[in-house]
Amino acid sequence: MKSAYRLSVLAAVVAVSGAGLFASSSAQPPEDKMLRPPEATIYRDAAYKGPAVFIGEEKSNLGLAWPVNSIRVASGRWELCEKSRFRGQCRTVDRDTPMMGNILRGITVQSIRPVGSGGGWNPNPPANDQVARGNFAEFHTQPSQANYRVLACTRGSATANCAAQTADTWCRSIGWNGSAREHMETVAGRVYLADVLCVRSGY
């Protein structure tokens, strides 16, 4: 029975892998995949079968009652960890994988999150900052750090007070006393600083 089960699973994996080869011509270009928000679907069974869970953001405690045997990665680069809060053994996946473990058993996954920019989605898009500088103030349309946009709030909900504190800190990091004015811009569900006026004094 075990031999028959192994053969049936292998046949399903080969079929899925072959279909992926023929479908590759219509796949998203790598650069498009990097700019899209991260999306993945994990499956209980090999070859993308059985119960499934769609993942579109960091999950520190999945609470799964079953092991993960396969994963489809629509975009991004994902870290899968065997324990909650990204503890224990972890594995990074950036492509569709029809068999995560060995032929009879998948891997335990209790937390999952998008990671890094090396071959995957970067949570902060590149900045296109337009700058106007005066003697006592400097205006930035898209404040940036390492050429990427700055989140209005790194923790919790994006509020005006949080954005003001972030803008003050950012202005000081580039040599000004603080921010006299700032706005927030939402892109792909994330809120970034925009139109920040850094000043010498009196902010």
Protein backbone atom coordinates (compact mmCIF):
# COMPACT_ATOMS: atom_id res chain seq x y z
CA MET A 1 0.00 0.00 0.00
CA LYS A 2 2.82 2.39 0.88
CA SER A 3 4.47 1.77 -2.48
CA ALA A 4 1.23 2.48 -4.31
CA TYR A 5 0.76 5.68 -2.31
CA ARG A 6 4.31 6.81 -3.12
CA LEU A 7 3.74 6.22 -6.82
CA SER A 8 0.43 8.11 -6.82
CA VAL A 9 1.96 11.12 -5.08
CA LEU A 10 4.97 11.10 -7.42
CA ALA A 11 2.69 10.99 -10.44
CA ALA A 12 0.75 14.01 -9.15
CA VAL A 13 3.95 15.96 -8.53
CA VAL A 14 5.31 15.17 -12.00
CA ALA A 15 2.01 16.25 -13.56
CA VAL A 16 1.99 19.54 -11.68
CA SER A 17 5.65 20.22 -12.41
CA GLY A 18 5.12 19.53 -16.11
CA ALA A 19 2.11 21.84 -16.22
CA GLY A 20 4.25 24.53 -14.61
CA LEU A 21 6.83 24.24 -17.38
CA PHE A 22 4.24 24.77 -20.11
CA ALA A 23 2.64 27.66 -18.22
CA SER A 24 5.89 29.52 -17.57
CA SER A 25 5.57 31.68 -20.69
CA SER A 26 2.54 33.47 -19.19
CA ALA A 27 4.08 33.95 -15.75
CA GLN A 28 4.66 37.40 -14.29
CA PRO A 29 8.08 38.91 -15.13
CA PRO A 30 10.47 38.74 -12.13
CA GLU A 31 10.45 42.52 -11.67
CA ASP A 32 6.63 42.56 -11.52
CA LYS A 33 6.64 39.77 -8.96
CA MET A 34 9.02 41.76 -6.74
CA LEU A 35 6.80 44.85 -6.74
CA ARG A 36 3.58 43.02 -5.92
CA PRO A 37 2.45 42.52 -2.31
CA PRO A 38 3.42 39.05 -1.02
CA GLU A 39 0.90 36.27 -1.55
CA ALA A 40 1.16 32.53 -1.00
CA THR A 41 -1.10 29.53 -0.39
CA ILE A 42 -0.08 26.56 1.76
CA TYR A 43 -1.62 23.11 1.31
CA ARG A 44 -1.97 20.07 3.53
CA ASP A 45 -1.23 17.61 0.71
CA ALA A 46 1.45 17.37 -1.95
CA ALA A 47 0.81 18.76 -5.44
CA TYR A 48 -1.37 21.62 -4.08
CA LYS A 49 -4.22 19.40 -2.89
CA GLY A 50 -6.30 19.11 0.26
CA PRO A 51 -7.15 21.89 2.74
CA ALA A 52 -5.43 25.19 1.96
CA VAL A 53 -4.74 28.52 3.67
CA PHE A 54 -4.14 31.75 1.75
CA ILE A 55 -1.43 33.98 3.25
CA GLY A 56 -1.16 37.67 2.41
CA GLU A 57 0.70 38.97 5.45
CA GLU A 58 2.85 37.96 8.39
CA LYS A 59 1.27 35.25 10.57
CA SER A 60 3.01 34.64 13.89
CA ASN A 61 0.67 31.82 14.99
CA LEU A 62 -1.10 29.87 12.25
CA GLY A 63 -2.55 27.27 14.59
CA LEU A 64 -2.48 24.58 11.89
CA ALA A 65 -3.60 21.10 12.87
CA TRP A 66 -1.90 19.56 9.83
CA PRO A 67 1.59 19.60 8.26
CA VAL A 68 2.30 21.57 5.09
CA ASN A 69 3.15 19.43 2.08
CA SER A 70 3.11 22.02 -0.72
CA ILE A 71 3.01 25.77 -1.30
CA ARG A 72 2.16 28.09 -4.18
CA VAL A 73 4.02 31.42 -4.16
CA ALA A 74 2.21 34.06 -6.20
CA SER A 75 4.67 36.77 -5.15
CA GLY A 76 7.28 37.54 -2.54
CA ARG A 77 9.73 35.41 -0.62
CA TRP A 78 8.43 33.55 2.43
CA GLU A 79 9.95 32.25 5.65
CA LEU A 80 8.14 29.22 7.12
CA CYS A 81 8.94 28.27 10.72
CA GLU A 82 8.00 25.14 12.65
CA LYS A 83 7.00 27.05 15.81
CA SER A 84 4.93 30.15 16.50
CA ARG A 85 6.59 33.60 16.52
CA PHE A 86 9.15 32.42 13.93
CA ARG A 87 11.01 30.10 16.29
CA GLY A 88 12.52 26.69 15.70
CA GLN A 89 13.70 25.53 12.32
CA CYS A 90 12.77 27.86 9.47
CA ARG A 91 12.83 27.51 5.70
CA THR A 92 12.67 30.20 3.01
CA VAL A 93 10.65 29.61 -0.17
CA ASP A 94 10.35 31.91 -3.19
CA ARG A 95 8.62 29.66 -5.75
CA ASP A 96 5.90 27.06 -6.13
CA THR A 97 6.94 23.86 -4.36
CA PRO A 98 4.77 20.75 -4.94
CA MET A 99 6.43 18.72 -2.16
CA MET A 100 7.79 20.40 0.98
CA GLY A 101 8.87 17.36 2.98
CA ASN A 102 9.61 13.76 2.09
CA ILE A 103 7.16 11.62 0.16
CA LEU A 104 5.18 10.50 3.22
CA ARG A 105 5.26 13.54 5.51
CA GLY A 106 5.28 17.30 5.08
CA ILE A 107 6.78 19.91 7.39
CA THR A 108 5.35 21.50 10.52
CA VAL A 109 4.56 25.19 9.95
CA GLN A 110 3.16 27.35 12.74
CA SER A 111 4.34 30.80 11.58
CA ILE A 112 5.04 32.39 8.20
CA ARG A 113 6.14 35.83 7.00
CA PRO A 114 7.43 37.65 3.90
CA VAL A 115 11.16 38.35 4.08
CA GLY A 116 13.81 40.53 2.47
CA SER A 117 14.25 41.84 -1.04
CA GLY A 118 16.74 39.27 -2.35
CA GLY A 119 14.62 37.71 -5.08
CA GLY A 120 11.34 38.60 -3.36
CA TRP A 121 9.00 41.47 -2.62
CA ASN A 122 10.38 44.40 -0.65
CA PRO A 123 7.69 45.84 1.65
CA ASN A 124 8.85 49.41 1.00
CA PRO A 125 8.74 50.54 -2.64
CA PRO A 126 11.59 52.57 -4.17
CA ALA A 127 11.25 56.29 -3.50
CA ASN A 128 11.00 58.91 -6.21
CA ASP A 129 11.79 61.87 -3.97
CA GLN A 130 11.53 65.39 -5.41
CA VAL A 131 13.46 67.89 -3.26
CA ALA A 132 13.20 71.67 -2.96
CA ARG A 133 15.85 73.20 -0.67
CA GLY A 134 15.91 76.68 0.85
CA ASN A 135 18.05 78.40 3.46
CA PHE A 136 15.81 77.45 6.38
CA ALA A 137 13.70 74.56 5.09
CA GLU A 138 13.76 71.57 2.73
CA PHE A 139 10.72 69.92 1.14
CA HIS A 140 10.62 66.19 0.27
CA THR A 141 7.78 64.59 -1.71
CA GLN A 142 8.79 61.01 -0.80
CA PRO A 143 11.20 60.75 2.15
CA SER A 144 13.52 57.77 1.74
CA GLN A 145 15.97 55.56 3.60
CA ALA A 146 18.44 53.58 1.51
CA ASN A 147 16.41 54.67 -1.55
CA TYR A 148 13.18 53.14 -0.20
CA ARG A 149 10.10 54.92 1.09
CA VAL A 150 9.66 55.54 4.81
CA LEU A 151 6.67 54.05 6.64
CA ALA A 152 4.61 56.67 8.47
CA CYS A 153 4.40 54.37 11.50
CA THR A 154 6.47 51.25 12.00
CA ARG A 155 4.16 49.83 14.69
CA GLY A 156 0.42 49.85 15.10
CA SER A 157 -2.01 51.98 13.12
CA ALA A 158 -0.82 54.95 11.10
CA THR A 159 -1.96 58.05 12.98
CA ALA A 160 -1.17 61.74 12.47
CA ASN A 161 0.79 61.88 15.75
CA CYS A 162 2.84 58.82 14.85
CA ALA A 163 3.56 60.21 11.37
CA ALA A 164 4.65 63.54 12.90
CA GLN A 165 7.09 61.76 15.21
CA THR A 166 8.44 59.67 12.33
CA ALA A 167 8.85 62.79 10.18
CA ASP A 168 10.68 64.63 12.99
CA THR A 169 13.07 61.71 13.42
CA TRP A 170 13.63 61.45 9.67
CA CYS A 171 14.31 65.19 9.27
CA ARG A 172 16.83 65.07 12.11
CA SER A 173 18.54 62.11 10.44
CA ILE A 174 19.33 64.31 7.42
CA GLY A 175 20.53 67.31 9.41
CA TRP A 176 17.41 69.37 10.14
CA ASN A 177 15.77 70.18 13.49
CA GLY A 178 12.46 68.48 12.72
CA SER A 179 9.37 68.50 10.53
CA ALA A 180 7.01 71.48 10.26
CA ARG A 181 4.56 69.62 8.06
CA GLU A 182 4.00 66.09 6.79
CA HIS A 183 1.35 63.99 5.11
CA MET A 184 0.61 60.29 4.74
CA GLU A 185 0.15 58.36 1.50
CA THR A 186 -1.30 54.86 1.24
CA VAL A 187 0.25 52.53 -1.34
CA ALA A 188 -0.83 48.87 -1.63
CA GLY A 189 -2.32 48.97 1.86
CA ARG A 190 0.77 50.46 3.54
CA VAL A 191 1.04 54.05 4.75
CA TYR A 192 4.15 56.11 3.94
CA LEU A 193 5.41 59.60 4.71
CA ALA A 194 4.81 62.12 1.93
CA ASP A 195 5.33 65.87 1.38
CA VAL A 196 7.53 66.42 4.44
CA LEU A 197 8.85 69.93 5.20
CA CYS A 198 12.05 69.77 7.23
CA VAL A 199 13.05 72.99 9.02
CA ARG A 200 15.89 74.47 11.07
CA SER A 201 13.77 75.81 13.93
CA GLY A 202 10.29 76.85 14.95
CA TYR A 203 8.56 73.63 13.90
